[in-house]
Structures are given as C-alpha cells and as structure tokens.
Amino acid sequence: MKTLIVYCSSHGTTEKAVSVLCENIEGEVLAVDLKRDKILFDLEDYDGVIIGGSIHAGEIQRKIKQFVKQHHDELLEKEVGLFLCCIRNGDIAVEQFNRAFPQDLRKNSVAMGLFGGEFLVSKMNFFERQVVKKVDSVIKDESHLNLNAIMEFALRYNNIRIPV
C-alpha cells in the first residue's frame, strides 16, 4: 500500500506530527510539505492520501485549501485521512477542523484527527509574537502536541485499509 501525506508546516509542529505518522503508517509513505518541497507526484500512484495542516488566525494554510480544491473529486475516490494541528480544544477545534476540510471529504475519510498544537514563539515573526501575546498571553514556547492522538489516527488509518 502506498500513502501520500501532503501537509503544510509553518513553524514545524505539523512537520513533527507528520514525522510520527511516517513512522507508524504501514506500507510505503511519501510526505510532501506543499510550502517547501518541490517533489512532483501523481495521486494515481497512491492508494491513500493523508492531508494536514495547522491553524493560523482561525484558518488552515492556503496551499492545503488549494490542494483539496484542485484534487477534490480524485480525493473522494481514495482512502483519505485528515488531520489538523491546532492549539484550541473542544468545540473550537472541531469548528476549525470543519472549516478546514469540505464536508463530503470529511464524511468519506477513513481517519480524522486533532493533534493539538504548539506556540513556537521562538520561530514566530514580530507580528505573530505580538498577536499570540495579546490573544493568548503566551510569551515563550509551549507544546500541547498530542502524540496519543497521532498514534490513534495512524492505528485507525492502518486498520481500515484492506490489502489488495
């Protein structure tokens, strides 16, 4: 089984989550950061696609939205996993997840996950630091990345897949 993981990582949190996924998803896995990597791929070559990103100012990265829009119909024919790295919990996190991914793709997905998040103040620009300080009263790096949620996602994704 071949799985493609497409993601965007602004400060490295999503990249950490993808690293854990790569170690725990069965079969051949290719991870592509849509912001940085210049790797060409064809969705037809993959049995499954995992899509993830992080929330900034309430929205997922534009490149993730563009990827989903561009490949929407093809994704509905794949085994899809969707995840989000966000610092919020509960209803707010669910609302952000629902805004990030179209309803039909969520309904068709074999695994969905909210992986928590991080405030990596040391990697933020001046503007980002000011916003995080004002809105969340955060002035130093904080991690709330949920490794258990990442592992549970990988288990669900692996268990739903039936070898051909």
Protein backbone atom coordinates (compact mmCIF):
# COMPACT_ATOMS: atom_id res chain seq x y z
CA MET A 1 0.00 0.00 0.00
CA LYS A 2 1.24 3.46 -0.88
CA THR A 3 0.25 6.55 1.08
CA LEU A 4 0.91 10.17 0.22
CA ILE A 5 0.95 12.68 3.08
CA VAL A 6 0.52 16.28 1.96
CA TYR A 7 0.84 18.98 4.57
CA CYS A 8 1.99 22.50 5.32
CA SER A 9 4.10 23.35 8.32
CA SER A 10 4.66 26.99 9.20
CA HIS A 11 6.81 26.65 12.34
CA GLY A 12 7.49 22.90 12.50
CA THR A 13 4.62 21.49 14.57
CA THR A 14 2.82 19.84 11.66
CA GLU A 15 6.16 18.53 10.43
CA LYS A 16 6.68 16.83 13.83
CA ALA A 17 3.24 15.21 13.57
CA VAL A 18 3.95 14.03 10.02
CA SER A 19 7.26 12.53 11.16
CA VAL A 20 5.41 10.42 13.73
CA LEU A 21 2.82 9.43 11.11
CA CYS A 22 5.54 8.39 8.66
CA GLU A 23 7.00 6.05 11.26
CA ASN A 24 3.60 4.48 12.02
CA ILE A 25 1.68 4.29 8.74
CA GLU A 26 2.05 0.85 7.16
CA GLY A 27 3.45 0.46 3.67
CA GLU A 28 5.30 2.95 1.51
CA VAL A 29 4.83 6.58 2.58
CA LEU A 30 5.82 9.81 0.84
CA ALA A 31 5.46 13.05 2.82
CA VAL A 32 5.36 16.35 0.93
CA ASP A 33 5.33 19.81 2.53
CA LEU A 34 3.41 21.86 -0.04
CA LYS A 35 5.09 25.06 1.17
CA ARG A 36 8.71 23.92 0.82
CA ASP A 37 9.08 20.69 -1.13
CA LYS A 38 9.34 20.69 -4.90
CA ILE A 39 8.52 16.99 -5.24
CA LEU A 40 6.31 16.03 -8.16
CA PHE A 41 3.75 13.33 -7.50
CA ASP A 42 0.72 11.81 -9.17
CA LEU A 43 -2.24 10.96 -6.93
CA GLU A 44 -3.00 7.97 -9.15
CA ASP A 45 0.16 6.31 -7.80
CA TYR A 46 -1.23 6.25 -4.24
CA ASP A 47 -3.87 4.13 -2.54
CA GLY A 48 -4.38 6.67 0.21
CA VAL A 49 -3.81 10.34 0.89
CA ILE A 50 -3.41 11.97 4.28
CA ILE A 51 -3.90 15.73 4.33
CA GLY A 52 -2.99 18.00 7.22
CA GLY A 53 -2.04 21.46 8.24
CA SER A 54 -2.12 23.90 11.08
CA ILE A 55 -4.39 26.73 12.10
CA HIS A 56 -3.24 30.34 11.97
CA ALA A 57 -5.74 33.10 12.74
CA GLY A 58 -8.51 30.51 12.61
CA GLU A 59 -7.72 29.15 9.14
CA ILE A 60 -5.72 26.31 7.62
CA GLN A 61 -2.91 27.19 5.20
CA ARG A 62 -3.98 28.40 1.75
CA LYS A 63 -1.88 25.74 -0.04
CA ILE A 64 -3.85 22.98 1.71
CA LYS A 65 -7.14 24.57 0.67
CA GLN A 66 -5.88 24.86 -2.91
CA PHE A 67 -4.72 21.23 -2.96
CA VAL A 68 -8.08 19.97 -1.70
CA LYS A 69 -9.98 22.12 -4.20
CA GLN A 70 -7.75 21.10 -7.12
CA HIS A 71 -7.93 17.35 -6.35
CA HIS A 72 -11.36 17.20 -4.71
CA ASP A 73 -13.01 14.61 -6.96
CA GLU A 74 -9.95 12.39 -7.09
CA LEU A 75 -9.65 12.51 -3.28
CA LEU A 76 -13.20 11.22 -2.93
CA GLU A 77 -12.02 8.04 -4.68
CA LYS A 78 -9.09 7.50 -2.27
CA GLU A 79 -8.71 6.34 1.29
CA VAL A 80 -8.30 9.75 2.88
CA GLY A 81 -7.09 10.76 6.31
CA LEU A 82 -7.49 14.34 7.54
CA PHE A 83 -5.72 15.97 10.45
CA LEU A 84 -5.23 19.36 11.97
CA CYS A 85 -2.68 20.77 14.36
CA CYS A 86 -4.32 23.48 16.42
CA ILE A 87 -3.82 24.84 19.89
CA ARG A 88 -7.54 25.07 20.62
CA ASN A 89 -9.59 22.26 22.18
CA GLY A 90 -13.18 21.11 22.20
CA ASP A 91 -15.83 22.78 20.09
CA ILE A 92 -13.47 25.46 18.80
CA ALA A 93 -11.04 22.83 17.47
CA VAL A 94 -13.89 20.89 15.85
CA GLU A 95 -15.21 24.09 14.26
CA GLN A 96 -11.74 24.88 12.87
CA PHE A 97 -11.43 21.32 11.53
CA ASN A 98 -14.83 21.54 9.85
CA ARG A 99 -13.91 24.86 8.22
CA ALA A 100 -10.57 23.45 7.04
CA PHE A 101 -11.97 20.45 5.14
CA PRO A 102 -15.13 20.11 2.99
CA GLN A 103 -17.98 18.11 4.49
CA ASP A 104 -18.04 15.45 1.76
CA LEU A 105 -14.32 14.81 2.21
CA ARG A 106 -14.76 14.54 5.99
CA LYS A 107 -17.64 12.09 5.54
CA ASN A 108 -15.56 9.99 3.12
CA SER A 109 -12.40 9.93 5.25
CA VAL A 110 -11.17 6.77 6.98
CA ALA A 111 -9.38 8.67 9.77
CA MET A 112 -9.64 12.16 11.20
CA GLY A 113 -7.54 13.70 13.92
CA LEU A 114 -6.97 16.77 16.04
CA PHE A 115 -3.34 16.60 17.12
CA GLY A 116 -3.09 19.59 19.45
CA GLY A 117 -0.55 22.25 18.72
CA GLU A 118 2.32 24.40 19.80
CA PHE A 119 3.13 28.05 20.27
CA LEU A 120 6.67 28.24 18.97
CA VAL A 121 7.27 31.87 19.86
CA SER A 122 10.98 31.47 19.11
CA LYS A 123 10.12 30.79 15.44
CA MET A 124 7.46 33.49 15.03
CA ASN A 125 7.93 36.83 13.36
CA PHE A 126 7.36 40.05 15.27
CA PHE A 127 3.72 40.37 14.24
CA GLU A 128 2.90 36.75 15.15
CA ARG A 129 4.57 37.15 18.56
CA GLN A 130 2.51 40.26 19.29
CA VAL A 131 -0.76 38.56 18.32
CA VAL A 132 -0.03 35.44 20.39
CA LYS A 133 0.99 37.58 23.36
CA LYS A 134 -2.18 39.70 23.16
CA VAL A 135 -4.71 36.96 22.34
CA ASP A 136 -3.30 34.03 24.33
CA SER A 137 -0.91 35.69 26.82
CA VAL A 138 1.91 33.45 25.57
CA ILE A 139 5.46 34.81 25.60
CA LYS A 140 7.54 31.61 25.42
CA ASP A 141 7.39 28.31 23.55
CA GLU A 142 4.59 25.96 24.65
CA SER A 143 3.83 22.49 23.34
CA HIS A 144 0.46 20.78 23.52
CA LEU A 145 1.13 18.31 20.70
CA ASN A 146 -0.88 15.16 21.43
CA LEU A 147 1.22 12.11 20.49
CA ASN A 148 -1.58 9.77 21.59
CA ALA A 149 -3.96 11.39 19.10
CA ILE A 150 -1.37 10.98 16.33
CA MET A 151 -0.88 7.30 17.20
CA GLU A 152 -4.65 6.69 17.35
CA PHE A 153 -5.02 8.30 13.92
CA ALA A 154 -2.29 6.03 12.50
CA LEU A 155 -3.98 2.95 14.00
CA ARG A 156 -7.38 3.90 12.55
CA TYR A 157 -5.81 4.61 9.16
CA ASN A 158 -3.90 1.31 9.14
CA ASN A 159 -6.80 -0.80 10.41
CA ILE A 160 -9.36 0.44 7.91
CA ARG A 161 -7.12 -0.36 4.98
CA ILE A 162 -7.56 -3.77 3.41
CA PRO A 163 -4.62 -5.08 1.32
CA VAL A 164 -5.49 -5.80 -2.31
